[in-house]
N, C-alpha and C. Protein backbone atom coordinates (compact mmCIF):
# COMPACT_ATOMS: atom_id res chain seq x y z
N ALA A 1 0.82 -1.20 0.00
CA ALA A 1 0.00 0.00 0.00
C ALA A 1 0.86 1.26 0.00
N GLY A 2 2.06 1.18 0.60
CA GLY A 2 2.95 2.33 0.66
C GLY A 2 3.40 2.81 -0.71
N ARG A 3 3.37 1.91 -1.67
CA ARG A 3 3.80 2.31 -3.01
C ARG A 3 2.88 3.36 -3.62
N PHE A 4 1.61 3.38 -3.21
CA PHE A 4 0.70 4.38 -3.76
C PHE A 4 1.00 5.78 -3.22
N GLY A 5 1.49 5.85 -1.98
CA GLY A 5 1.91 7.15 -1.43
C GLY A 5 3.10 7.70 -2.20
N SER A 6 4.09 6.84 -2.45
CA SER A 6 5.25 7.31 -3.22
C SER A 6 4.85 7.62 -4.66
N ALA A 7 3.90 6.87 -5.22
CA ALA A 7 3.43 7.15 -6.58
C ALA A 7 2.73 8.51 -6.64
N ALA A 8 1.94 8.84 -5.63
CA ALA A 8 1.27 10.14 -5.60
C ALA A 8 2.29 11.27 -5.52
N PHE A 9 3.31 11.08 -4.67
CA PHE A 9 4.38 12.08 -4.57
C PHE A 9 5.09 12.24 -5.92
N LEU A 10 5.41 11.13 -6.57
CA LEU A 10 6.10 11.19 -7.86
C LEU A 10 5.25 11.88 -8.92
N LEU A 11 3.95 11.61 -8.92
CA LEU A 11 3.07 12.30 -9.87
C LEU A 11 3.09 13.81 -9.65
N LEU A 12 3.03 14.22 -8.40
CA LEU A 12 3.09 15.64 -8.08
C LEU A 12 4.44 16.22 -8.50
N TRP A 13 5.53 15.53 -8.18
CA TRP A 13 6.86 15.99 -8.55
C TRP A 13 7.01 16.07 -10.06
N LEU A 14 6.46 15.11 -10.78
CA LEU A 14 6.57 15.11 -12.24
C LEU A 14 5.79 16.27 -12.87
N CYS A 15 4.75 16.74 -12.22
CA CYS A 15 4.05 17.94 -12.72
C CYS A 15 5.00 19.14 -12.68
N GLY A 16 5.69 19.32 -11.56
CA GLY A 16 6.68 20.40 -11.45
C GLY A 16 7.84 20.18 -12.41
N TRP A 17 8.24 18.93 -12.57
CA TRP A 17 9.32 18.60 -13.51
C TRP A 17 8.94 19.02 -14.93
N ALA A 18 7.71 18.75 -15.33
CA ALA A 18 7.26 19.09 -16.69
C ALA A 18 7.27 20.61 -16.89
N VAL A 19 6.89 21.37 -15.88
CA VAL A 19 6.91 22.83 -15.97
C VAL A 19 8.36 23.30 -16.14
N GLY A 20 9.27 22.78 -15.33
CA GLY A 20 10.69 23.15 -15.43
C GLY A 20 11.27 22.77 -16.78
N GLU A 21 10.93 21.60 -17.28
CA GLU A 21 11.41 21.14 -18.59
C GLU A 21 10.91 22.06 -19.70
N ALA A 22 9.62 22.39 -19.66
CA ALA A 22 9.04 23.26 -20.69
C ALA A 22 9.66 24.65 -20.63
N PHE A 23 9.88 25.18 -19.43
CA PHE A 23 10.47 26.50 -19.27
C PHE A 23 11.88 26.54 -19.85
N ALA A 24 12.69 25.54 -19.51
CA ALA A 24 14.08 25.52 -20.01
C ALA A 24 14.10 25.38 -21.53
N LEU A 25 13.25 24.53 -22.07
CA LEU A 25 13.19 24.38 -23.54
C LEU A 25 12.73 25.67 -24.21
N PHE A 26 11.75 26.33 -23.60
CA PHE A 26 11.27 27.60 -24.15
C PHE A 26 12.38 28.65 -24.14
N MET A 27 13.11 28.74 -23.03
CA MET A 27 14.18 29.74 -22.93
C MET A 27 15.30 29.46 -23.93
N ILE A 28 15.68 28.21 -24.08
CA ILE A 28 16.70 27.87 -25.07
C ILE A 28 16.21 28.19 -26.47
N GLY A 29 14.98 27.80 -26.78
CA GLY A 29 14.41 28.07 -28.10
C GLY A 29 14.31 29.55 -28.38
N HIS A 30 13.83 30.33 -27.40
CA HIS A 30 13.69 31.77 -27.60
C HIS A 30 15.07 32.43 -27.73
N GLY A 31 16.04 31.95 -26.96
CA GLY A 31 17.39 32.50 -27.07
C GLY A 31 17.99 32.26 -28.45
N ILE A 32 17.82 31.07 -28.98
CA ILE A 32 18.32 30.76 -30.33
C ILE A 32 17.60 31.63 -31.35
N TYR A 33 16.28 31.76 -31.21
CA TYR A 33 15.51 32.59 -32.13
C TYR A 33 15.99 34.04 -32.07
N SER A 34 16.23 34.56 -30.87
CA SER A 34 16.69 35.94 -30.72
C SER A 34 18.07 36.14 -31.33
N LEU A 35 18.96 35.16 -31.15
CA LEU A 35 20.30 35.26 -31.74
C LEU A 35 20.26 35.26 -33.26
N VAL A 36 19.45 34.38 -33.82
CA VAL A 36 19.39 34.23 -35.28
C VAL A 36 18.72 35.44 -35.93
N THR A 37 17.65 35.94 -35.35
CA THR A 37 16.89 37.04 -35.97
C THR A 37 17.37 38.42 -35.56
N GLY A 38 18.14 38.51 -34.46
CA GLY A 38 18.59 39.81 -33.98
C GLY A 38 17.54 40.54 -33.18
N ARG A 39 16.45 39.90 -32.87
CA ARG A 39 15.39 40.52 -32.08
C ARG A 39 15.76 40.51 -30.60
N PRO A 40 15.22 41.41 -29.84
CA PRO A 40 15.54 41.44 -28.41
C PRO A 40 14.96 40.22 -27.68
N ALA A 41 15.62 39.89 -26.57
CA ALA A 41 15.14 38.80 -25.73
C ALA A 41 13.91 39.24 -24.96
N LEU A 42 13.26 38.31 -24.32
CA LEU A 42 12.07 38.64 -23.53
C LEU A 42 12.41 39.67 -22.45
N GLY A 43 11.59 40.68 -22.33
CA GLY A 43 11.76 41.68 -21.29
C GLY A 43 12.92 42.62 -21.53
N SER A 44 13.41 42.71 -22.75
CA SER A 44 14.55 43.58 -23.05
C SER A 44 14.28 44.34 -24.33
N GLU A 45 14.90 45.51 -24.44
CA GLU A 45 14.80 46.31 -25.65
C GLU A 45 16.02 46.12 -26.54
N GLN A 46 17.07 45.54 -25.99
CA GLN A 46 18.36 45.40 -26.69
C GLN A 46 18.45 44.03 -27.36
N PRO A 47 19.16 43.95 -28.48
CA PRO A 47 19.38 42.64 -29.09
C PRO A 47 20.28 41.78 -28.20
N VAL A 48 20.19 40.51 -28.37
CA VAL A 48 20.96 39.56 -27.55
C VAL A 48 22.41 39.60 -27.98
N ARG A 49 23.32 39.64 -26.98
CA ARG A 49 24.76 39.58 -27.27
C ARG A 49 25.21 38.13 -27.19
N LEU A 50 26.15 37.79 -28.04
CA LEU A 50 26.58 36.40 -28.20
C LEU A 50 27.19 35.82 -26.92
N GLY A 51 28.10 36.52 -26.27
CA GLY A 51 28.79 35.99 -25.08
C GLY A 51 27.85 35.59 -23.96
N PRO A 52 27.03 36.53 -23.47
CA PRO A 52 26.10 36.16 -22.40
C PRO A 52 25.07 35.10 -22.84
N ALA A 53 24.66 35.18 -24.10
CA ALA A 53 23.69 34.20 -24.58
C ALA A 53 24.29 32.79 -24.58
N LEU A 54 25.55 32.67 -24.98
CA LEU A 54 26.21 31.35 -24.96
C LEU A 54 26.38 30.85 -23.53
N ALA A 55 26.73 31.74 -22.61
CA ALA A 55 26.90 31.32 -21.21
C ALA A 55 25.58 30.81 -20.63
N VAL A 56 24.51 31.57 -20.85
CA VAL A 56 23.19 31.16 -20.35
C VAL A 56 22.74 29.89 -21.07
N GLY A 57 22.97 29.81 -22.38
CA GLY A 57 22.59 28.63 -23.14
C GLY A 57 23.32 27.38 -22.67
N CYS A 58 24.62 27.50 -22.39
CA CYS A 58 25.39 26.34 -21.89
C CYS A 58 24.89 25.92 -20.51
N PHE A 59 24.63 26.89 -19.64
CA PHE A 59 24.09 26.56 -18.33
C PHE A 59 22.76 25.83 -18.47
N LEU A 60 21.86 26.37 -19.29
CA LEU A 60 20.55 25.74 -19.47
C LEU A 60 20.67 24.35 -20.09
N ALA A 61 21.61 24.16 -21.01
CA ALA A 61 21.79 22.85 -21.63
C ALA A 61 22.24 21.81 -20.59
N VAL A 62 23.19 22.20 -19.73
CA VAL A 62 23.66 21.28 -18.68
C VAL A 62 22.53 21.01 -17.69
N TRP A 63 21.86 22.07 -17.26
CA TRP A 63 20.75 21.93 -16.31
C TRP A 63 19.65 21.06 -16.90
N LEU A 64 19.32 21.29 -18.16
CA LEU A 64 18.25 20.52 -18.82
C LEU A 64 18.62 19.05 -18.93
N THR A 65 19.88 18.76 -19.20
CA THR A 65 20.33 17.37 -19.28
C THR A 65 20.13 16.66 -17.94
N ILE A 66 20.57 17.30 -16.87
CA ILE A 66 20.42 16.70 -15.53
C ILE A 66 18.95 16.60 -15.15
N TRP A 67 18.20 17.64 -15.43
CA TRP A 67 16.77 17.68 -15.10
C TRP A 67 16.01 16.60 -15.87
N THR A 68 16.34 16.42 -17.15
CA THR A 68 15.70 15.39 -17.96
C THR A 68 16.01 14.00 -17.41
N PHE A 69 17.28 13.76 -17.05
CA PHE A 69 17.66 12.48 -16.48
C PHE A 69 16.87 12.22 -15.19
N GLY A 70 16.75 13.23 -14.34
CA GLY A 70 15.97 13.09 -13.11
C GLY A 70 14.52 12.76 -13.39
N GLY A 71 13.95 13.39 -14.40
CA GLY A 71 12.56 13.11 -14.77
C GLY A 71 12.38 11.70 -15.29
N ILE A 72 13.34 11.24 -16.10
CA ILE A 72 13.26 9.87 -16.62
C ILE A 72 13.33 8.87 -15.47
N MET A 73 14.20 9.12 -14.51
CA MET A 73 14.31 8.21 -13.36
C MET A 73 13.02 8.25 -12.51
N ALA A 74 12.41 9.43 -12.38
CA ALA A 74 11.16 9.53 -11.62
C ALA A 74 10.04 8.79 -12.35
N ILE A 75 9.99 8.91 -13.67
CA ILE A 75 8.98 8.18 -14.45
C ILE A 75 9.20 6.68 -14.29
N ARG A 76 10.46 6.26 -14.31
CA ARG A 76 10.79 4.84 -14.14
C ARG A 76 10.29 4.34 -12.78
N GLU A 77 10.55 5.11 -11.72
CA GLU A 77 10.10 4.70 -10.38
C GLU A 77 8.58 4.72 -10.27
N LEU A 78 7.92 5.67 -10.96
CA LEU A 78 6.46 5.71 -10.96
C LEU A 78 5.91 4.44 -11.61
N LEU A 79 6.48 4.08 -12.76
CA LEU A 79 6.05 2.84 -13.42
C LEU A 79 6.32 1.63 -12.54
N ARG A 80 7.47 1.64 -11.86
CA ARG A 80 7.82 0.52 -10.98
C ARG A 80 6.84 0.42 -9.82
N SER A 81 6.36 1.55 -9.32
CA SER A 81 5.41 1.55 -8.21
C SER A 81 4.03 1.07 -8.63
N LEU A 82 3.63 1.40 -9.85
CA LEU A 82 2.25 1.14 -10.27
C LEU A 82 2.10 0.00 -11.28
N TRP A 83 3.14 -0.28 -12.07
CA TRP A 83 2.95 -1.20 -13.20
C TRP A 83 4.23 -1.97 -13.48
N ALA A 84 4.66 -2.78 -12.53
CA ALA A 84 5.88 -3.56 -12.71
C ALA A 84 5.60 -5.03 -12.41
N GLU A 85 6.37 -5.88 -13.07
CA GLU A 85 6.23 -7.32 -12.86
C GLU A 85 7.55 -7.99 -13.22
N ASP A 86 7.97 -8.93 -12.42
CA ASP A 86 9.10 -9.80 -12.74
C ASP A 86 8.56 -11.21 -12.83
N ARG A 87 8.88 -11.90 -13.92
CA ARG A 87 8.46 -13.28 -14.09
C ARG A 87 9.71 -14.12 -14.37
N LEU A 88 9.89 -15.17 -13.58
CA LEU A 88 11.03 -16.07 -13.75
C LEU A 88 10.54 -17.36 -14.37
N VAL A 89 11.18 -17.77 -15.48
CA VAL A 89 10.81 -19.00 -16.17
C VAL A 89 12.06 -19.87 -16.28
N LEU A 90 11.98 -21.07 -15.72
CA LEU A 90 13.10 -22.00 -15.75
C LEU A 90 12.78 -23.13 -16.70
N ASP A 91 13.63 -23.32 -17.71
CA ASP A 91 13.46 -24.47 -18.59
C ASP A 91 14.70 -25.36 -18.47
N ARG A 92 14.90 -26.26 -19.38
CA ARG A 92 15.98 -27.24 -19.26
C ARG A 92 17.37 -26.61 -19.26
N GLU A 93 17.55 -25.49 -19.95
CA GLU A 93 18.89 -24.91 -20.09
C GLU A 93 19.03 -23.48 -19.58
N VAL A 94 17.94 -22.78 -19.43
CA VAL A 94 18.02 -21.33 -19.16
C VAL A 94 16.99 -20.91 -18.11
N LEU A 95 17.42 -20.00 -17.23
CA LEU A 95 16.50 -19.27 -16.37
C LEU A 95 16.30 -17.92 -17.04
N THR A 96 15.06 -17.62 -17.40
CA THR A 96 14.76 -16.36 -18.09
C THR A 96 13.98 -15.47 -17.14
N ARG A 97 14.44 -14.21 -17.02
CA ARG A 97 13.72 -13.22 -16.23
C ARG A 97 13.08 -12.23 -17.20
N PHE A 98 11.76 -12.13 -17.12
CA PHE A 98 11.02 -11.13 -17.89
C PHE A 98 10.66 -10.02 -16.92
N ARG A 99 11.18 -8.84 -17.15
CA ARG A 99 10.91 -7.69 -16.28
C ARG A 99 10.04 -6.71 -17.05
N ARG A 100 8.83 -6.49 -16.55
CA ARG A 100 7.91 -5.52 -17.15
C ARG A 100 7.99 -4.25 -16.33
N LEU A 101 8.18 -3.14 -17.04
CA LEU A 101 8.19 -1.83 -16.41
C LEU A 101 7.28 -0.96 -17.27
N GLY A 102 6.01 -0.86 -16.86
CA GLY A 102 5.03 -0.18 -17.68
C GLY A 102 4.82 -0.98 -18.96
N PRO A 103 4.84 -0.33 -20.10
CA PRO A 103 4.63 -1.06 -21.36
C PRO A 103 5.91 -1.73 -21.88
N PHE A 104 7.02 -1.56 -21.18
CA PHE A 104 8.30 -2.08 -21.65
C PHE A 104 8.61 -3.41 -20.98
N VAL A 105 9.14 -4.36 -21.76
CA VAL A 105 9.53 -5.66 -21.22
C VAL A 105 11.00 -5.89 -21.55
N PHE A 106 11.78 -6.22 -20.52
CA PHE A 106 13.20 -6.51 -20.68
C PHE A 106 13.40 -7.98 -20.33
N THR A 107 14.22 -8.65 -21.12
CA THR A 107 14.46 -10.08 -20.92
C THR A 107 15.93 -10.31 -20.62
N ARG A 108 16.18 -11.17 -19.65
CA ARG A 108 17.55 -11.57 -19.35
C ARG A 108 17.58 -13.07 -19.20
N ARG A 109 18.52 -13.71 -19.87
CA ARG A 109 18.65 -15.16 -19.82
C ARG A 109 19.93 -15.52 -19.05
N LEU A 110 19.79 -16.46 -18.13
CA LEU A 110 20.92 -16.95 -17.35
C LEU A 110 21.04 -18.45 -17.62
N ALA A 111 22.22 -18.87 -18.05
CA ALA A 111 22.43 -20.29 -18.30
C ALA A 111 22.27 -21.06 -17.00
N ARG A 112 21.46 -22.07 -17.04
CA ARG A 112 21.16 -22.88 -15.85
C ARG A 112 22.44 -23.46 -15.25
N SER A 113 23.36 -23.86 -16.10
CA SER A 113 24.60 -24.50 -15.63
C SER A 113 25.52 -23.53 -14.89
N GLU A 114 25.34 -22.21 -15.09
CA GLU A 114 26.21 -21.22 -14.45
C GLU A 114 25.70 -20.78 -13.07
N ILE A 115 24.46 -21.10 -12.74
CA ILE A 115 23.88 -20.66 -11.47
C ILE A 115 24.42 -21.53 -10.35
N ARG A 116 25.15 -20.90 -9.43
CA ARG A 116 25.79 -21.63 -8.33
C ARG A 116 24.99 -21.54 -7.03
N ARG A 117 24.23 -20.46 -6.90
CA ARG A 117 23.54 -20.21 -5.64
C ARG A 117 22.36 -19.29 -5.88
N VAL A 118 21.26 -19.51 -5.13
CA VAL A 118 20.09 -18.64 -5.16
C VAL A 118 19.82 -18.26 -3.71
N PHE A 119 19.68 -16.96 -3.46
CA PHE A 119 19.52 -16.50 -2.07
C PHE A 119 18.79 -15.17 -2.05
N VAL A 120 18.35 -14.80 -0.86
CA VAL A 120 17.69 -13.52 -0.63
C VAL A 120 18.65 -12.68 0.18
N GLN A 121 18.89 -11.45 -0.26
CA GLN A 121 19.89 -10.60 0.37
C GLN A 121 19.38 -9.19 0.55
N GLN A 122 19.75 -8.58 1.69
CA GLN A 122 19.49 -7.15 1.90
C GLN A 122 20.51 -6.39 1.07
N SER A 123 20.06 -5.42 0.32
CA SER A 123 20.95 -4.67 -0.56
C SER A 123 20.86 -3.19 -0.22
N GLY A 124 21.67 -2.73 0.74
CA GLY A 124 21.64 -1.32 1.14
C GLY A 124 20.30 -0.98 1.76
N SER A 125 19.68 0.09 1.29
CA SER A 125 18.38 0.51 1.81
C SER A 125 17.24 -0.15 1.06
N ARG A 126 17.58 -0.90 0.01
CA ARG A 126 16.53 -1.57 -0.78
C ARG A 126 15.98 -2.75 0.01
N PRO A 127 14.79 -3.21 -0.36
CA PRO A 127 14.22 -4.37 0.34
C PRO A 127 15.02 -5.63 0.04
N LEU A 128 14.73 -6.68 0.75
CA LEU A 128 15.40 -7.95 0.48
C LEU A 128 15.18 -8.33 -0.97
N THR A 129 16.23 -8.77 -1.63
CA THR A 129 16.22 -9.02 -3.06
C THR A 129 16.57 -10.47 -3.34
N LEU A 130 15.85 -11.10 -4.26
CA LEU A 130 16.17 -12.44 -4.71
C LEU A 130 17.33 -12.35 -5.68
N MET A 131 18.42 -13.03 -5.36
CA MET A 131 19.66 -12.94 -6.13
C MET A 131 20.08 -14.32 -6.61
N ALA A 132 20.93 -14.34 -7.64
CA ALA A 132 21.55 -15.57 -8.12
C ALA A 132 23.03 -15.32 -8.27
N GLN A 133 23.82 -16.27 -7.81
CA GLN A 133 25.27 -16.17 -7.99
C GLN A 133 25.65 -16.96 -9.23
N LEU A 134 26.38 -16.29 -10.12
CA LEU A 134 26.86 -16.89 -11.36
C LEU A 134 28.37 -16.81 -11.32
N GLY A 135 29.02 -17.89 -10.99
CA GLY A 135 30.48 -17.84 -10.85
C GLY A 135 30.83 -16.89 -9.73
N ALA A 136 31.67 -15.89 -10.03
CA ALA A 136 32.11 -14.94 -9.01
C ALA A 136 31.15 -13.76 -8.85
N GLY A 137 30.26 -13.55 -9.80
CA GLY A 137 29.36 -12.40 -9.74
C GLY A 137 27.97 -12.79 -9.28
N VAL A 138 27.20 -11.77 -8.91
CA VAL A 138 25.81 -11.99 -8.53
C VAL A 138 24.94 -11.10 -9.39
N THR A 139 23.70 -11.53 -9.58
CA THR A 139 22.75 -10.75 -10.35
C THR A 139 21.41 -10.75 -9.64
N GLU A 140 20.69 -9.65 -9.74
CA GLU A 140 19.38 -9.53 -9.13
C GLU A 140 18.36 -10.24 -10.00
N LEU A 141 17.53 -11.05 -9.36
CA LEU A 141 16.42 -11.69 -10.07
C LEU A 141 15.16 -10.87 -9.89
N THR A 142 14.85 -10.48 -8.64
CA THR A 142 13.69 -9.62 -8.40
C THR A 142 13.74 -9.05 -6.99
N ASP A 143 13.14 -7.88 -6.83
CA ASP A 143 12.90 -7.33 -5.50
C ASP A 143 11.42 -6.97 -5.36
N LEU A 144 10.62 -7.48 -6.28
CA LEU A 144 9.18 -7.24 -6.23
C LEU A 144 8.52 -8.33 -5.39
N GLY A 145 7.29 -8.09 -4.99
CA GLY A 145 6.54 -9.05 -4.19
C GLY A 145 6.85 -8.91 -2.72
N THR A 146 6.25 -9.78 -1.93
CA THR A 146 6.46 -9.75 -0.49
C THR A 146 7.70 -10.55 -0.14
N GLN A 147 8.15 -10.39 1.08
CA GLN A 147 9.30 -11.15 1.56
C GLN A 147 9.02 -12.65 1.47
N ALA A 148 7.83 -13.05 1.85
CA ALA A 148 7.47 -14.47 1.81
C ALA A 148 7.49 -15.00 0.38
N GLU A 149 7.03 -14.19 -0.57
CA GLU A 149 7.04 -14.62 -1.98
C GLU A 149 8.47 -14.77 -2.50
N ARG A 150 9.36 -13.86 -2.12
CA ARG A 150 10.76 -13.98 -2.56
C ARG A 150 11.43 -15.19 -1.92
N ASP A 151 11.14 -15.45 -0.63
CA ASP A 151 11.69 -16.63 0.03
C ASP A 151 11.19 -17.91 -0.64
N GLU A 152 9.90 -17.94 -0.95
CA GLU A 152 9.33 -19.12 -1.61
C GLU A 152 9.93 -19.32 -3.00
N ALA A 153 10.11 -18.24 -3.74
CA ALA A 153 10.71 -18.33 -5.08
C ALA A 153 12.14 -18.85 -4.98
N ALA A 154 12.89 -18.39 -3.98
CA ALA A 154 14.27 -18.86 -3.80
C ALA A 154 14.27 -20.36 -3.50
N GLN A 155 13.38 -20.80 -2.64
CA GLN A 155 13.31 -22.23 -2.31
C GLN A 155 12.94 -23.06 -3.54
N GLN A 156 11.96 -22.60 -4.29
CA GLN A 156 11.54 -23.34 -5.50
C GLN A 156 12.66 -23.39 -6.54
N LEU A 157 13.39 -22.29 -6.70
CA LEU A 157 14.50 -22.29 -7.66
C LEU A 157 15.62 -23.23 -7.20
N ARG A 158 15.95 -23.21 -5.91
CA ARG A 158 16.99 -24.11 -5.40
C ARG A 158 16.59 -25.56 -5.64
N THR A 159 15.33 -25.88 -5.39
CA THR A 159 14.84 -27.25 -5.60
C THR A 159 14.90 -27.61 -7.08
N ALA A 160 14.40 -26.75 -7.95
CA ALA A 160 14.36 -27.03 -9.39
C ALA A 160 15.76 -27.11 -9.99
N LEU A 161 16.70 -26.32 -9.46
CA LEU A 161 18.07 -26.32 -9.98
C LEU A 161 18.93 -27.40 -9.33
N GLY A 162 18.40 -28.05 -8.30
CA GLY A 162 19.16 -29.08 -7.61
C GLY A 162 20.29 -28.51 -6.77
N LEU A 163 20.10 -27.30 -6.26
CA LEU A 163 21.11 -26.67 -5.40
C LEU A 163 20.85 -27.07 -3.96
N ALA A 164 21.92 -27.24 -3.22
CA ALA A 164 21.79 -27.60 -1.81
C ALA A 164 21.17 -26.45 -1.03
N GLU A 165 20.48 -26.79 0.03
CA GLU A 165 19.86 -25.77 0.88
C GLU A 165 20.90 -24.81 1.44
N GLU A 166 22.12 -25.28 1.71
CA GLU A 166 23.15 -24.38 2.24
C GLU A 166 23.55 -23.32 1.22
N SER A 167 23.14 -23.48 -0.03
CA SER A 167 23.45 -22.45 -1.02
C SER A 167 22.68 -21.17 -0.74
N ALA A 168 21.75 -21.26 0.19
CA ALA A 168 20.96 -20.07 0.50
C ALA A 168 21.72 -19.07 1.34
N SER A 169 22.67 -19.53 2.19
CA SER A 169 23.26 -18.57 3.11
C SER A 169 24.65 -18.91 3.61
N PRO A 170 25.57 -19.47 2.85
CA PRO A 170 26.90 -19.70 3.41
C PRO A 170 27.71 -18.42 3.40
N GLY A 171 27.60 -17.64 4.44
CA GLY A 171 28.34 -16.37 4.49
C GLY A 171 27.66 -15.34 3.61
N ARG A 172 28.32 -14.26 3.48
CA ARG A 172 27.78 -13.17 2.69
C ARG A 172 28.25 -13.31 1.25
N PRO A 173 27.33 -13.19 0.27
CA PRO A 173 27.75 -13.31 -1.12
C PRO A 173 28.61 -12.14 -1.55
N PRO A 174 29.47 -12.33 -2.54
CA PRO A 174 30.31 -11.22 -2.97
C PRO A 174 29.47 -10.10 -3.57
N CYS A 175 29.89 -8.88 -3.31
CA CYS A 175 29.22 -7.71 -3.84
C CYS A 175 29.59 -7.54 -5.30
N PRO A 176 28.61 -7.33 -6.19
CA PRO A 176 28.94 -7.24 -7.61
C PRO A 176 29.76 -6.02 -7.99
N ARG A 177 29.81 -4.99 -7.16
CA ARG A 177 30.50 -3.77 -7.55
C ARG A 177 31.95 -3.74 -7.08
N ASN A 178 32.18 -4.14 -5.84
CA ASN A 178 33.54 -3.99 -5.33
C ASN A 178 34.17 -5.30 -4.86
N GLY A 179 33.51 -6.42 -5.07
CA GLY A 179 34.07 -7.72 -4.78
C GLY A 179 34.18 -8.07 -3.31
N ARG A 180 33.63 -7.28 -2.40
CA ARG A 180 33.70 -7.60 -0.97
C ARG A 180 32.63 -8.58 -0.58
């Protein structure tokens, strides 16, 4: 239920994001138009000078890039809160993860023979995550669903893959980023 609170906040934030995005695009567009035509900028009687216009344009371009990236990440989290699904399909040779994020579906295939361990791990501030160890590295399978559902999925995968129960927790698995 908490996901709907964060989704409401993200929707509100995205409204402000859209206003900021439109404003920056309008200012860049109007600045280019003023430079090309020689007409004065908004609220000015003087034509635009190249030096200050380039400085403001560069600032707005950098700001717009960061702002756009932030908006894309917020949209991604909104979709994840309201319209996400992870489906794991195990066949004779491959474990396939289908990740739906809104209308987009991403597929990842893991060779069954490379999976050494399946476990549930706390990952920083994120919820407990269903993970698979492939050789020296680990990969996330899902962090969706309840804790009980992730535990059950880990148990079912260990059984189907023929992994020993101790594969669930012998020490801490290596971190994929820094090898600790």
